[in-house]
Amino acid sequence: MFEIEDKVVYAMASLRFLSSCVECLGAVLMLYFGTAHKALQVNGALALVGPFVLVTVTFLGIAGMAGQVPWWKIGLIVVGVGCILTGARG
């Protein structure tokens, strides 16, 4: 179906699929528990998963591009991810 040349893309997509499954499970748990208090606890746990997946997938992408892109552009990507994580904190 898809013709993917780089195995890093499979790893990146697999992590995103896993992340989406965790998010769906979180939504089901919120409905199962049925209270705002428990839903907020589940949401807090999901908030830990998101940044981990973002950093991991970005790291895989950078590792896959390492020989093809100048180091200063890779540095810009790392700084951009750092800005996203800093902005999301508060």
Protein backbone atom coordinates (compact mmCIF):
# COMPACT_ATOMS: atom_id res chain seq x y z
CA MET A 1 0.00 0.00 0.00
CA PHE A 2 2.68 2.50 1.05
CA GLU A 3 6.17 2.47 -0.34
CA ILE A 4 8.33 3.68 2.54
CA GLU A 5 12.07 3.74 1.93
CA ASP A 6 13.17 4.66 5.43
CA LYS A 7 12.55 2.33 8.38
CA VAL A 8 12.68 5.32 10.75
CA VAL A 9 9.33 6.40 9.31
CA TYR A 10 7.82 3.08 10.45
CA ALA A 11 9.14 3.66 13.98
CA MET A 12 7.79 7.23 14.04
CA ALA A 13 4.37 6.17 12.76
CA SER A 14 4.24 3.22 15.18
CA LEU A 15 4.87 5.52 18.14
CA ARG A 16 2.11 7.85 16.95
CA PHE A 17 -0.30 4.91 16.57
CA LEU A 18 0.60 3.72 20.07
CA SER A 19 0.09 7.23 21.41
CA SER A 20 -3.34 7.45 19.80
CA CYS A 21 -4.32 4.12 21.35
CA VAL A 22 -3.28 5.42 24.79
CA GLU A 23 -5.33 8.60 24.19
CA CYS A 24 -8.40 6.55 23.19
CA LEU A 25 -7.97 4.36 26.25
CA GLY A 26 -7.83 7.51 28.37
CA ALA A 27 -11.11 8.72 26.88
CA VAL A 28 -12.75 5.36 27.61
CA LEU A 29 -11.46 5.45 31.19
CA MET A 30 -12.89 8.95 31.65
CA LEU A 31 -16.30 7.68 30.52
CA TYR A 32 -15.99 4.57 32.67
CA PHE A 33 -15.20 6.46 35.88
CA GLY A 34 -17.85 9.09 35.13
CA THR A 35 -16.69 11.80 37.54
CA ALA A 36 -14.84 15.02 36.83
CA HIS A 37 -12.34 14.20 39.59
CA LYS A 38 -11.31 10.87 38.07
CA ALA A 39 -11.39 12.29 34.52
CA LEU A 40 -9.00 15.02 35.60
CA GLN A 41 -6.64 12.40 37.04
CA VAL A 42 -6.72 10.44 33.79
CA ASN A 43 -6.10 13.67 31.86
CA GLY A 44 -3.08 14.39 34.06
CA ALA A 45 -1.62 11.00 33.26
CA LEU A 46 -2.20 11.59 29.54
CA ALA A 47 -0.42 14.93 29.81
CA LEU A 48 2.76 13.01 30.64
CA VAL A 49 2.48 10.79 27.57
CA GLY A 50 2.16 13.58 24.99
CA PRO A 51 5.51 15.34 25.51
CA PHE A 52 7.33 12.01 25.74
CA VAL A 53 5.94 10.92 22.39
CA LEU A 54 6.70 14.33 20.83
CA VAL A 55 10.33 14.24 21.95
CA THR A 56 10.81 10.58 21.00
CA VAL A 57 9.31 10.93 17.53
CA THR A 58 11.31 14.12 16.93
CA PHE A 59 14.51 12.40 18.05
CA LEU A 60 13.83 9.52 15.65
CA GLY A 61 13.20 11.95 12.81
CA ILE A 62 16.40 13.86 13.54
CA ALA A 63 18.37 10.63 13.73
CA GLY A 64 16.93 9.59 10.38
CA MET A 65 17.91 12.91 8.76
CA ALA A 66 21.30 13.29 10.44
CA GLY A 67 23.40 12.75 7.33
CA GLN A 68 21.16 14.73 4.98
CA VAL A 69 20.51 18.01 6.81
CA PRO A 70 23.03 20.59 8.06
CA TRP A 71 23.64 20.58 11.81
CA TRP A 72 22.37 24.12 12.26
CA LYS A 73 18.94 23.13 10.88
CA ILE A 74 18.82 20.16 13.23
CA GLY A 75 19.66 22.58 16.03
CA LEU A 76 16.73 24.76 14.98
CA ILE A 77 14.42 21.76 15.15
CA VAL A 78 15.66 20.93 18.66
CA VAL A 79 15.20 24.55 19.77
CA GLY A 80 11.68 24.55 18.27
CA VAL A 81 10.71 21.42 20.20
CA GLY A 82 12.16 23.00 23.34
CA CYS A 83 10.01 26.09 22.76
CA ILE A 84 6.90 23.93 22.32
CA LEU A 85 7.59 22.08 25.56
CA THR A 86 8.35 25.30 27.44
CA GLY A 87 5.21 26.99 26.13
CA ALA A 88 3.05 24.02 27.02
CA ARG A 89 4.25 24.07 30.62
CA GLY A 90 2.57 27.19 31.60
